[in-house]
């Protein structure tokens, strides 16, 4: 069995290294599109963590809305209750759906 020529192996290695470098540059340029959406997602995650650590603020705002605008608060509570009901029904339907074996 003939072994490849050492020079050919070195040339192929060099071509692969150049191609790898070019792919890295291309990927870095393509990923720039995701920078803004991922930044927003990171900010939303940080805000959610802050709210979880400081529950007095959202509860205080909710209490203020209930005191100042009780009708609006009841209407939004009704919407939330209806949304929760839709969510529960969707969960039941999805749990009954046959699972495909992949």
PDB file of N, CA and C in Angstrom:
ATOM      1  N   UNK A   1       0.848  -1.162   0.000  1.00  0.00           N
ATOM      2  CA  UNK A   1       0.000   0.000   0.000  1.00  0.00           C
ATOM      3  C   UNK A   1       0.894   1.226   0.000  1.00  0.00           C
ATOM      4  N   UNK A   2       0.694   2.106  -0.949  1.00  0.00           N
ATOM      5  CA  UNK A   2       1.548   3.281  -1.084  1.00  0.00           C
ATOM      6  C   UNK A   2       1.121   4.352  -0.095  1.00  0.00           C
ATOM      7  N   UNK A   3       2.119   4.993   0.533  1.00  0.00           N
ATOM      8  CA  UNK A   3       1.817   6.077   1.467  1.00  0.00           C
ATOM      9  C   UNK A   3       1.852   7.395   0.715  1.00  0.00           C
ATOM     10  N   UNK A   4       1.006   8.342   1.108  1.00  0.00           N
ATOM     11  CA  UNK A   4       1.002   9.629   0.413  1.00  0.00           C
ATOM     12  C   UNK A   4       2.337  10.337   0.602  1.00  0.00           C
ATOM     13  N   UNK A   5       2.662  11.102  -0.387  1.00  0.00           N
ATOM     14  CA  UNK A   5       3.900  11.872  -0.344  1.00  0.00           C
ATOM     15  C   UNK A   5       3.812  12.899   0.784  1.00  0.00           C
ATOM     16  N   UNK A   6       4.887  13.060   1.549  1.00  0.00           N
ATOM     17  CA  UNK A   6       4.902  13.978   2.692  1.00  0.00           C
ATOM     18  C   UNK A   6       4.573  15.405   2.264  1.00  0.00           C
ATOM     19  N   UNK A   7       5.086  15.830   1.126  1.00  0.00           N
ATOM     20  CA  UNK A   7       4.810  17.195   0.648  1.00  0.00           C
ATOM     21  C   UNK A   7       3.326  17.381   0.347  1.00  0.00           C
ATOM     22  N   UNK A   8       2.712  16.357  -0.219  1.00  0.00           N
ATOM     23  CA  UNK A   8       1.269  16.449  -0.516  1.00  0.00           C
ATOM     24  C   UNK A   8       0.461  16.567   0.771  1.00  0.00           C
ATOM     25  N   UNK A   9       0.848  15.808   1.793  1.00  0.00           N
ATOM     26  CA  UNK A   9       0.163  15.871   3.085  1.00  0.00           C
ATOM     27  C   UNK A   9       0.322  17.267   3.673  1.00  0.00           C
ATOM     28  N   UNK A  10       1.519  17.829   3.598  1.00  0.00           N
ATOM     29  CA  UNK A  10       1.757  19.179   4.130  1.00  0.00           C
ATOM     30  C   UNK A  10       0.949  20.229   3.361  1.00  0.00           C
ATOM     31  N   UNK A  11       0.884  20.099   2.044  1.00  0.00           N
ATOM     32  CA  UNK A  11       0.093  21.043   1.235  1.00  0.00           C
ATOM     33  C   UNK A  11      -1.389  20.935   1.586  1.00  0.00           C
ATOM     34  N   UNK A  12      -1.867  19.706   1.735  1.00  0.00           N
ATOM     35  CA  UNK A  12      -3.282  19.510   2.093  1.00  0.00           C
ATOM     36  C   UNK A  12      -3.568  20.097   3.472  1.00  0.00           C
ATOM     37  N   UNK A  13      -2.657  19.904   4.411  1.00  0.00           N
ATOM     38  CA  UNK A  13      -2.808  20.461   5.755  1.00  0.00           C
ATOM     39  C   UNK A  13      -2.879  21.987   5.681  1.00  0.00           C
ATOM     40  N   UNK A  14      -2.012  22.587   4.889  1.00  0.00           N
ATOM     41  CA  UNK A  14      -1.997  24.046   4.746  1.00  0.00           C
ATOM     42  C   UNK A  14      -3.309  24.552   4.130  1.00  0.00           C
ATOM     43  N   UNK A  15      -3.802  23.846   3.110  1.00  0.00           N
ATOM     44  CA  UNK A  15      -5.082  24.241   2.499  1.00  0.00           C
ATOM     45  C   UNK A  15      -6.216  24.146   3.525  1.00  0.00           C
ATOM     46  N   UNK A  16      -6.228  23.078   4.312  1.00  0.00           N
ATOM     47  CA  UNK A  16      -7.266  22.914   5.331  1.00  0.00           C
ATOM     48  C   UNK A  16      -7.184  23.998   6.396  1.00  0.00           C
ATOM     49  N   UNK A  17      -5.980  24.368   6.793  1.00  0.00           N
ATOM     50  CA  UNK A  17      -5.821  25.446   7.773  1.00  0.00           C
ATOM     51  C   UNK A  17      -6.315  26.780   7.219  1.00  0.00           C
ATOM     52  N   UNK A  18      -6.018  27.051   5.965  1.00  0.00           N
ATOM     53  CA  UNK A  18      -6.494  28.285   5.333  1.00  0.00           C
ATOM     54  C   UNK A  18      -8.018  28.286   5.230  1.00  0.00           C
ATOM     55  N   UNK A  19      -8.563  27.150   4.835  1.00  0.00           N
ATOM     56  CA  UNK A  19     -10.019  27.032   4.728  1.00  0.00           C
ATOM     57  C   UNK A  19     -10.674  27.204   6.099  1.00  0.00           C
ATOM     58  N   UNK A  20     -10.082  26.618   7.116  1.00  0.00           N
ATOM     59  CA  UNK A  20     -10.613  26.746   8.466  1.00  0.00           C
ATOM     60  C   UNK A  20     -10.596  28.199   8.921  1.00  0.00           C
ATOM     61  N   UNK A  21      -9.516  28.900   8.646  1.00  0.00           N
ATOM     62  CA  UNK A  21      -9.444  30.325   8.997  1.00  0.00           C
ATOM     63  C   UNK A  21     -10.498  31.136   8.281  1.00  0.00           C
ATOM     64  N   UNK A  22     -10.727  30.851   7.001  1.00  0.00           N
ATOM     65  CA  UNK A  22     -11.740  31.576   6.236  1.00  0.00           C
ATOM     66  C   UNK A  22     -13.139  31.290   6.774  1.00  0.00           C
ATOM     67  N   UNK A  23     -13.382  30.034   7.116  1.00  0.00           N
ATOM     68  CA  UNK A  23     -14.688  29.685   7.682  1.00  0.00           C
ATOM     69  C   UNK A  23     -14.924  30.405   9.010  1.00  0.00           C
ATOM     70  N   UNK A  24     -13.877  30.544   9.826  1.00  0.00           N
ATOM     71  CA  UNK A  24     -14.012  31.280  11.090  1.00  0.00           C
ATOM     72  C   UNK A  24     -14.368  32.734  10.847  1.00  0.00           C
ATOM     73  N   UNK A  25     -13.713  33.354   9.857  1.00  0.00           N
ATOM     74  CA  UNK A  25     -14.014  34.752   9.530  1.00  0.00           C
ATOM     75  C   UNK A  25     -15.448  34.874   9.026  1.00  0.00           C
ATOM     76  N   UNK A  26     -15.868  33.987   8.141  1.00  0.00           N
ATOM     77  CA  UNK A  26     -17.241  34.019   7.620  1.00  0.00           C
ATOM     78  C   UNK A  26     -18.255  33.837   8.740  1.00  0.00           C
ATOM     79  N   UNK A  27     -17.992  32.899   9.625  1.00  0.00           N
ATOM     80  CA  UNK A  27     -18.908  32.634  10.735  1.00  0.00           C
ATOM     81  C   UNK A  27     -18.999  33.836  11.651  1.00  0.00           C
ATOM     82  N   UNK A  28     -17.880  34.470  11.946  1.00  0.00           N
ATOM     83  CA  UNK A  28     -17.879  35.654  12.816  1.00  0.00           C
ATOM     84  C   UNK A  28     -18.720  36.770  12.198  1.00  0.00           C
ATOM     85  N   UNK A  29     -18.670  36.931  10.887  1.00  0.00           N
ATOM     86  CA  UNK A  29     -19.479  37.961  10.223  1.00  0.00           C
ATOM     87  C   UNK A  29     -20.958  37.600  10.261  1.00  0.00           C
ATOM     88  N   UNK A  30     -21.287  36.345  10.069  1.00  0.00           N
ATOM     89  CA  UNK A  30     -22.681  35.924  10.063  1.00  0.00           C
ATOM     90  C   UNK A  30     -23.299  36.010  11.459  1.00  0.00           C
ATOM     91  N   UNK A  31     -22.504  35.781  12.479  1.00  0.00           N
ATOM     92  CA  UNK A  31     -23.003  35.794  13.850  1.00  0.00           C
ATOM     93  C   UNK A  31     -23.340  37.219  14.304  1.00  0.00           C
ATOM     94  N   UNK A  32     -22.763  38.215  13.672  1.00  0.00           N
ATOM     95  CA  UNK A  32     -23.044  39.603  14.055  1.00  0.00           C
ATOM     96  C   UNK A  32     -24.531  39.915  13.967  1.00  0.00           C
ATOM     97  N   UNK A  33     -25.247  39.246  13.087  1.00  0.00           N
ATOM     98  CA  UNK A  33     -26.690  39.453  12.949  1.00  0.00           C
ATOM     99  C   UNK A  33     -27.409  39.080  14.242  1.00  0.00           C
ATOM    100  N   UNK A  34     -26.884  38.110  14.968  1.00  0.00           N
ATOM    101  CA  UNK A  34     -27.529  37.633  16.188  1.00  0.00           C
ATOM    102  C   UNK A  34     -27.166  38.450  17.421  1.00  0.00           C
ATOM    103  N   UNK A  35     -26.200  39.344  17.304  1.00  0.00           N
ATOM    104  CA  UNK A  35     -25.725  40.094  18.466  1.00  0.00           C
ATOM    105  C   UNK A  35     -26.845  40.883  19.132  1.00  0.00           C
ATOM    106  N   UNK A  36     -27.640  41.631  18.369  1.00  0.00           N
ATOM    107  CA  UNK A  36     -28.710  42.453  18.950  1.00  0.00           C
ATOM    108  C   UNK A  36     -29.816  41.602  19.585  1.00  0.00           C
ATOM    109  N   UNK A  37     -30.370  40.608  18.884  1.00  0.00           N
ATOM    110  CA  UNK A  37     -31.417  39.799  19.531  1.00  0.00           C
ATOM    111  C   UNK A  37     -30.926  39.060  20.775  1.00  0.00           C
ATOM    112  N   UNK A  38     -29.702  38.543  20.733  1.00  0.00           N
ATOM    113  CA  UNK A  38     -29.184  37.848  21.900  1.00  0.00           C
ATOM    114  C   UNK A  38     -28.923  38.820  23.045  1.00  0.00           C
ATOM    115  N   UNK A  39     -28.533  40.059  22.710  1.00  0.00           N
ATOM    116  CA  UNK A  39     -28.362  41.076  23.742  1.00  0.00           C
ATOM    117  C   UNK A  39     -29.684  41.396  24.423  1.00  0.00           C
ATOM    118  N   UNK A  40     -30.748  41.507  23.632  1.00  0.00           N
ATOM    119  CA  UNK A  40     -32.072  41.749  24.210  1.00  0.00           C
ATOM    120  C   UNK A  40     -32.520  40.581  25.090  1.00  0.00           C
ATOM    121  N   UNK A  41     -32.272  39.375  24.629  1.00  0.00           N
ATOM    122  CA  UNK A  41     -32.642  38.200  25.423  1.00  0.00           C
ATOM    123  C   UNK A  41     -31.862  38.184  26.741  1.00  0.00           C
ATOM    124  N   UNK A  42     -30.599  38.561  26.693  1.00  0.00           N
ATOM    125  CA  UNK A  42     -29.787  38.600  27.906  1.00  0.00           C
ATOM    126  C   UNK A  42     -30.306  39.658  28.878  1.00  0.00           C
ATOM    127  N   UNK A  43     -30.699  40.822  28.347  1.00  0.00           N
ATOM    128  CA  UNK A  43     -31.261  41.867  29.203  1.00  0.00           C
ATOM    129  C   UNK A  43     -32.580  41.416  29.821  1.00  0.00           C
ATOM    130  N   UNK A  44     -33.408  40.742  29.043  1.00  0.00           N
ATOM    131  CA  UNK A  44     -34.685  40.250  29.567  1.00  0.00           C
ATOM    132  C   UNK A  44     -34.456  39.220  30.671  1.00  0.00           C
ATOM    133  N   UNK A  45     -33.470  38.352  30.469  1.00  0.00           N
ATOM    134  CA  UNK A  45     -33.146  37.363  31.497  1.00  0.00           C
ATOM    135  C   UNK A  45     -32.651  38.043  32.770  1.00  0.00           C
ATOM    136  N   UNK A  46     -31.811  39.046  32.611  1.00  0.00           N
ATOM    137  CA  UNK A  46     -31.309  39.774  33.784  1.00  0.00           C
ATOM    138  C   UNK A  46     -32.440  40.490  34.515  1.00  0.00           C
ATOM    139  N   UNK A  47     -33.350  41.116  33.751  1.00  0.00           N
ATOM    140  CA  UNK A  47     -34.479  41.807  34.366  1.00  0.00           C
ATOM    141  C   UNK A  47     -35.382  40.822  35.105  1.00  0.00           C
ATOM    142  N   UNK A  48     -35.601  39.658  34.511  1.00  0.00           N
ATOM    143  CA  UNK A  48     -36.426  38.645  35.158  1.00  0.00           C
ATOM    144  C   UNK A  48     -35.779  38.162  36.457  1.00  0.00           C
ATOM    145  N   UNK A  49     -34.477  37.950  36.422  1.00  0.00           N
ATOM    146  CA  UNK A  49     -33.783  37.538  37.641  1.00  0.00           C
ATOM    147  C   UNK A  49     -33.894  38.614  38.722  1.00  0.00           C
ATOM    148  N   UNK A  50     -33.751  39.879  38.322  1.00  0.00           N
ATOM    149  CA  UNK A  50     -33.855  40.973  39.289  1.00  0.00           C
ATOM    150  C   UNK A  50     -35.251  41.008  39.902  1.00  0.00           C
ATOM    151  N   UNK A  51     -36.281  40.851  39.056  1.00  0.00           N
ATOM    152  CA  UNK A  51     -37.649  40.853  39.567  1.00  0.00           C
ATOM    153  C   UNK A  51     -37.900  39.678  40.508  1.00  0.00           C
ATOM    154  N   UNK A  52     -37.302  38.538  40.220  1.00  0.00           N
ATOM    155  CA  UNK A  52     -37.470  37.384  41.097  1.00  0.00           C
ATOM    156  C   UNK A  52     -36.779  37.616  42.449  1.00  0.00           C
ATOM    157  N   UNK A  53     -35.696  38.354  42.430  1.00  0.00           N
ATOM    158  CA  UNK A  53     -34.978  38.647  43.670  1.00  0.00           C
ATOM    159  C   UNK A  53     -35.621  39.789  44.455  1.00  0.00           C
ATOM    160  N   UNK A  54     -36.434  40.613  43.788  1.00  0.00           N
ATOM    161  CA  UNK A  54     -37.083  41.758  44.422  1.00  0.00           C
ATOM    162  C   UNK A  54     -38.587  41.724  44.129  1.00  0.00           C
ATOM    163  N   UNK A  55     -39.318  40.746  44.666  1.00  0.00           N
ATOM    164  CA  UNK A  55     -40.740  40.609  44.338  1.00  0.00           C
ATOM    165  C   UNK A  55     -41.596  41.757  44.883  1.00  0.00           C
ATOM    166  N   UNK A  56     -41.061  42.550  45.799  1.00  0.00           N
ATOM    167  CA  UNK A  56     -41.856  43.640  46.356  1.00  0.00           C
ATOM    168  C   UNK A  56     -42.204  44.695  45.305  1.00  0.00           C
ATOM    169  N   UNK A  57     -41.369  44.879  44.303  1.00  0.00           N
ATOM    170  CA  UNK A  57     -41.641  45.896  43.285  1.00  0.00           C
ATOM    171  C   UNK A  57     -42.832  45.528  42.395  1.00  0.00           C
ATOM    172  N   UNK A  58     -42.847  44.357  41.764  1.00  0.00           N
ATOM    173  CA  UNK A  58     -44.029  44.035  40.953  1.00  0.00           C
ATOM    174  C   UNK A  58     -45.297  43.918  41.794  1.00  0.00           C
ATOM    175  N   UNK A  59     -45.172  43.414  43.023  1.00  0.00           N
ATOM    176  CA  UNK A  59     -46.352  43.330  43.887  1.00  0.00           C
ATOM    177  C   UNK A  59     -46.850  44.721  44.263  1.00  0.00           C
ATOM    178  N   UNK A  60     -45.930  45.634  44.516  1.00  0.00           N
ATOM    179  CA  UNK A  60     -46.315  47.010  44.830  1.00  0.00           C
ATOM    180  C   UNK A  60     -46.994  47.691  43.663  1.00  0.00           C
ATOM    181  N   UNK A  61     -46.483  47.482  42.470  1.00  0.00           N
ATOM    182  CA  UNK A  61     -47.101  48.068  41.265  1.00  0.00           C
ATOM    183  C   UNK A  61     -48.494  47.472  41.064  1.00  0.00           C
ATOM    184  N   UNK A  62     -48.614  46.158  41.248  1.00  0.00           N
ATOM    185  CA  UNK A  62     -49.927  45.516  41.100  1.00  0.00           C
ATOM    186  C   UNK A  62     -50.915  46.065  42.129  1.00  0.00           C
ATOM    187  N   UNK A  63     -50.461  46.232  43.365  1.00  0.00           N
ATOM    188  CA  UNK A  63     -51.345  46.785  44.405  1.00  0.00           C
ATOM    189  C   UNK A  63     -51.750  48.214  44.064  1.00  0.00           C
ATOM    190  N   UNK A  64     -50.817  49.001  43.557  1.00  0.00           N
ATOM    191  CA  UNK A  64     -51.125  50.381  43.176  1.00  0.00           C
ATOM    192  C   UNK A  64     -52.164  50.423  42.056  1.00  0.00           C
ATOM    193  N   UNK A  65     -52.028  49.539  41.083  1.00  0.00           N
ATOM    194  CA  UNK A  65     -52.998  49.491  39.977  1.00  0.00           C
ATOM    195  C   UNK A  65     -54.367  49.083  40.499  1.00  0.00           C
ATOM    196  N   UNK A  66     -54.404  48.114  41.412  1.00  0.00           N
ATOM    197  CA  UNK A  66     -55.683  47.681  41.980  1.00  0.00           C
ATOM    198  C   UNK A  66     -56.341  48.831  42.726  1.00  0.00           C
ATOM    199  N   UNK A  67     -55.566  49.617  43.449  1.00  0.00           N
ATOM    200  CA  UNK A  67     -56.120  50.730  44.218  1.00  0.00           C
ATOM    201  C   UNK A  67     -56.573  51.858  43.298  1.00  0.00           C
ATOM    202  N   UNK A  68     -55.736  52.206  42.308  1.00  0.00           N
ATOM    203  CA  UNK A  68     -56.048  53.352  41.451  1.00  0.00           C
ATOM    204  C   UNK A  68     -57.033  53.025  40.338  1.00  0.00           C
ATOM    205  N   UNK A  69     -56.951  51.829  39.785  1.00  0.00           N
ATOM    206  CA  UNK A  69     -57.813  51.421  38.654  1.00  0.00           C
ATOM    207  C   UNK A  69     -58.376  50.029  38.893  1.00  0.00           C
ATOM    208  N   UNK A  70     -59.302  49.885  39.813  1.00  0.00           N
ATOM    209  CA  UNK A  70     -59.806  48.528  40.118  1.00  0.00           C
ATOM    210  C   UNK A  70     -60.514  47.869  38.932  1.00  0.00           C
ATOM    211  N   UNK A  71     -61.229  48.649  38.131  1.00  0.00           N
ATOM    212  CA  UNK A  71     -61.919  48.065  36.975  1.00  0.00           C
ATOM    213  C   UNK A  71     -60.941  47.486  35.974  1.00  0.00           C
ATOM    214  N   UNK A  72     -59.895  48.244  35.706  1.00  0.00           N
ATOM    215  CA  UNK A  72     -58.883  47.773  34.764  1.00  0.00           C
ATOM    216  C   UNK A  72     -58.173  46.535  35.327  1.00  0.00           C
ATOM    217  N   UNK A  73     -57.903  46.542  36.629  1.00  0.00           N
ATOM    218  CA  UNK A  73     -57.231  45.398  37.249  1.00  0.00           C
ATOM    219  C   UNK A  73     -58.102  44.152  37.147  1.00  0.00           C
ATOM    220  N   UNK A  74     -59.399  44.298  37.390  1.00  0.00           N
ATOM    221  CA  UNK A  74     -60.294  43.145  37.278  1.00  0.00           C
ATOM    222  C   UNK A  74     -60.368  42.636  35.841  1.00  0.00           C
ATOM    223  N   UNK A  75     -60.402  43.559  34.888  1.00  0.00           N
ATOM    224  CA  UNK A  75     -60.461  43.158  33.481  1.00  0.00           C
ATOM    225  C   UNK A  75     -59.201  42.371  33.112  1.00  0.00           C
ATOM    226  N   UNK A  76     -58.037  42.867  33.517  1.00  0.00           N
ATOM    227  CA  UNK A  76     -56.787  42.173  33.202  1.00  0.00           C
ATOM    228  C   UNK A  76     -56.687  40.847  33.952  1.00  0.00           C
ATOM    229  N   UNK A  77     -57.213  40.804  35.162  1.00  0.00           N
ATOM    230  CA  UNK A  77     -57.232  39.532  35.890  1.00  0.00           C
ATOM    231  C   UNK A  77     -58.111  38.523  35.150  1.00  0.00           C
ATOM    232  N   UNK A  78     -59.212  39.006  34.592  1.00  0.00           N
ATOM    233  CA  UNK A  78     -60.087  38.135  33.813  1.00  0.00           C
ATOM    234  C   UNK A  78     -59.356  37.613  32.577  1.00  0.00           C
ATOM    235  N   UNK A  79     -58.632  38.495  31.882  1.00  0.00           N
ATOM    236  CA  UNK A  79     -57.858  38.063  30.709  1.00  0.00           C
ATOM    237  C   UNK A  79     -56.813  37.021  31.098  1.00  0.00           C
ATOM    238  N   UNK A  80     -56.160  37.260  32.218  1.00  0.00           N
ATOM    239  CA  UNK A  80     -55.133  36.320  32.674  1.00  0.00           C
ATOM    240  C   UNK A  80     -55.754  34.961  32.995  1.00  0.00           C
ATOM    241  N   UNK A  81     -56.918  34.972  33.640  1.00  0.00           N
ATOM    242  CA  UNK A  81     -57.595  33.725  33.979  1.00  0.00           C
ATOM    243  C   UNK A  81     -58.009  32.965  32.713  1.00  0.00           C
ATOM    244  N   UNK A  82     -58.527  33.694  31.721  1.00  0.00           N
ATOM    245  CA  UNK A  82     -58.907  33.064  30.459  1.00  0.00           C
ATOM    246  C   UNK A  82     -57.673  32.495  29.745  1.00  0.00           C
ATOM    247  N   UNK A  83     -56.584  33.241  29.764  1.00  0.00           N
ATOM    248  CA  UNK A  83     -55.346  32.757  29.151  1.00  0.00           C
ATOM    249  C   UNK A  83     -54.829  31.506  29.822  1.00  0.00           C
ATOM    250  N   UNK A  84     -54.946  31.474  31.139  1.00  0.00           N
ATOM    251  CA  UNK A  84     -54.519  30.291  31.878  1.00  0.00           C
ATOM    252  C   UNK A  84     -55.396  29.092  31.508  1.00  0.00           C
ATOM    253  N   UNK A  85     -56.689  29.333  31.354  1.00  0.00           N
ATOM    254  CA  UNK A  85     -57.585  28.252  30.940  1.00  0.00           C
ATOM    255  C   UNK A  85     -57.233  27.719  29.560  1.00  0.00           C
ATOM    256  N   UNK A  86     -56.914  28.624  28.626  1.00  0.00           N
ATOM    257  CA  UNK A  86     -56.495  28.185  27.289  1.00  0.00           C
ATOM    258  C   UNK A  86     -55.201  27.382  27.364  1.00  0.00           C
ATOM    259  N   UNK A  87     -54.301  27.835  28.182  1.00  0.00           N
ATOM    260  CA  UNK A  87     -53.038  27.125  28.357  1.00  0.00           C
ATOM    261  C   UNK A  87     -53.280  25.711  28.882  1.00  0.00           C
ATOM    262  N   UNK A  88     -54.133  25.579  29.889  1.00  0.00           N
ATOM    263  CA  UNK A  88     -54.415  24.265  30.463  1.00  0.00           C
ATOM    264  C   UNK A  88     -55.072  23.341  29.437  1.00  0.00           C
ATOM    265  N   UNK A  89     -56.020  23.889  28.650  1.00  0.00           N
ATOM    266  CA  UNK A  89     -56.662  23.060  27.620  1.00  0.00           C
ATOM    267  C   UNK A  89     -55.658  22.615  26.566  1.00  0.00           C
ATOM    268  N   UNK A  90     -54.782  23.527  26.160  1.00  0.00           N
ATOM    269  CA  UNK A  90     -53.758  23.167  25.171  1.00  0.00           C
ATOM    270  C   UNK A  90     -52.844  22.081  25.721  1.00  0.00           C
ATOM    271  N   UNK A  91     -52.488  22.178  26.985  1.00  0.00           N
ATOM    272  CA  UNK A  91     -51.644  21.155  27.605  1.00  0.00           C
ATOM    273  C   UNK A  91     -52.334  19.792  27.578  1.00  0.00           C
ATOM    274  N   UNK A  92     -53.626  19.777  27.888  1.00  0.00           N
ATOM    275  CA  UNK A  92     -54.354  18.495  27.870  1.00  0.00           C
ATOM    276  C   UNK A  92     -54.388  17.916  26.465  1.00  0.00           C
ATOM    277  N   UNK A  93     -54.642  18.757  25.467  1.00  0.00           N
ATOM    278  CA  UNK A  93     -54.688  18.279  24.079  1.00  0.00           C
ATOM    279  C   UNK A  93     -53.319  17.751  23.660  1.00  0.00           C
ATOM    280  N   UNK A  94     -52.281  18.485  23.995  1.00  0.00           N
ATOM    281  CA  UNK A  94     -50.937  18.049  23.611  1.00  0.00           C
ATOM    282  C   UNK A  94     -50.527  16.761  24.329  1.00  0.00           C
ATOM    283  N   UNK A  95     -50.961  16.591  25.548  1.00  0.00           N
ATOM    284  CA  UNK A  95     -50.632  15.367  26.276  1.00  0.00           C
ATOM    285  C   UNK A  95     -51.363  14.161  25.730  1.00  0.00           C
ATOM    286  N   UNK A  96     -52.530  14.381  25.109  1.00  0.00           N
ATOM    287  CA  UNK A  96     -53.288  13.269  24.530  1.00  0.00           C
ATOM    288  C   UNK A  96     -52.790  12.908  23.139  1.00  0.00           C
ATOM    289  N   UNK A  97     -52.073  13.814  22.481  1.00  0.00           N
ATOM    290  CA  UNK A  97     -51.626  13.580  21.112  1.00  0.00           C
ATOM    291  C   UNK A  97     -50.633  12.414  21.101  1.00  0.00           C
ATOM    292  N   UNK A  98     -50.746  11.551  20.076  1.00  0.00           N
ATOM    293  CA  UNK A  98     -49.800  10.416  20.002  1.00  0.00           C
ATOM    294  C   UNK A  98     -48.386  10.925  19.745  1.00  0.00           C
ATOM    295  N   UNK A  99     -47.461  10.309  20.403  1.00  0.00           N
ATOM    296  CA  UNK A  99     -46.057  10.699  20.249  1.00  0.00           C
ATOM    297  C   UNK A  99     -45.444   9.875  19.118  1.00  0.00           C
ATOM    298  N   UNK A 100     -44.712  10.550  18.246  1.00  0.00           N
ATOM    299  CA  UNK A 100     -44.041   9.833  17.167  1.00  0.00           C
ATOM    300  C   UNK A 100     -42.695   9.332  17.694  1.00  0.00           C
ATOM    301  N   UNK A 101     -42.409   8.108  17.354  1.00  0.00           N
ATOM    302  CA  UNK A 101     -41.146   7.509  17.786  1.00  0.00           C
ATOM    303  C   UNK A 101     -40.123   7.793  16.715  1.00  0.00           C
ATOM    304  N   UNK A 102     -39.049   8.501  17.111  1.00  0.00           N
ATOM    305  CA  UNK A 102     -38.048   8.904  16.124  1.00  0.00           C
ATOM    306  C   UNK A 102     -36.847   8.158  16.307  1.00  0.00           C
TER     307      UNK A 102
END
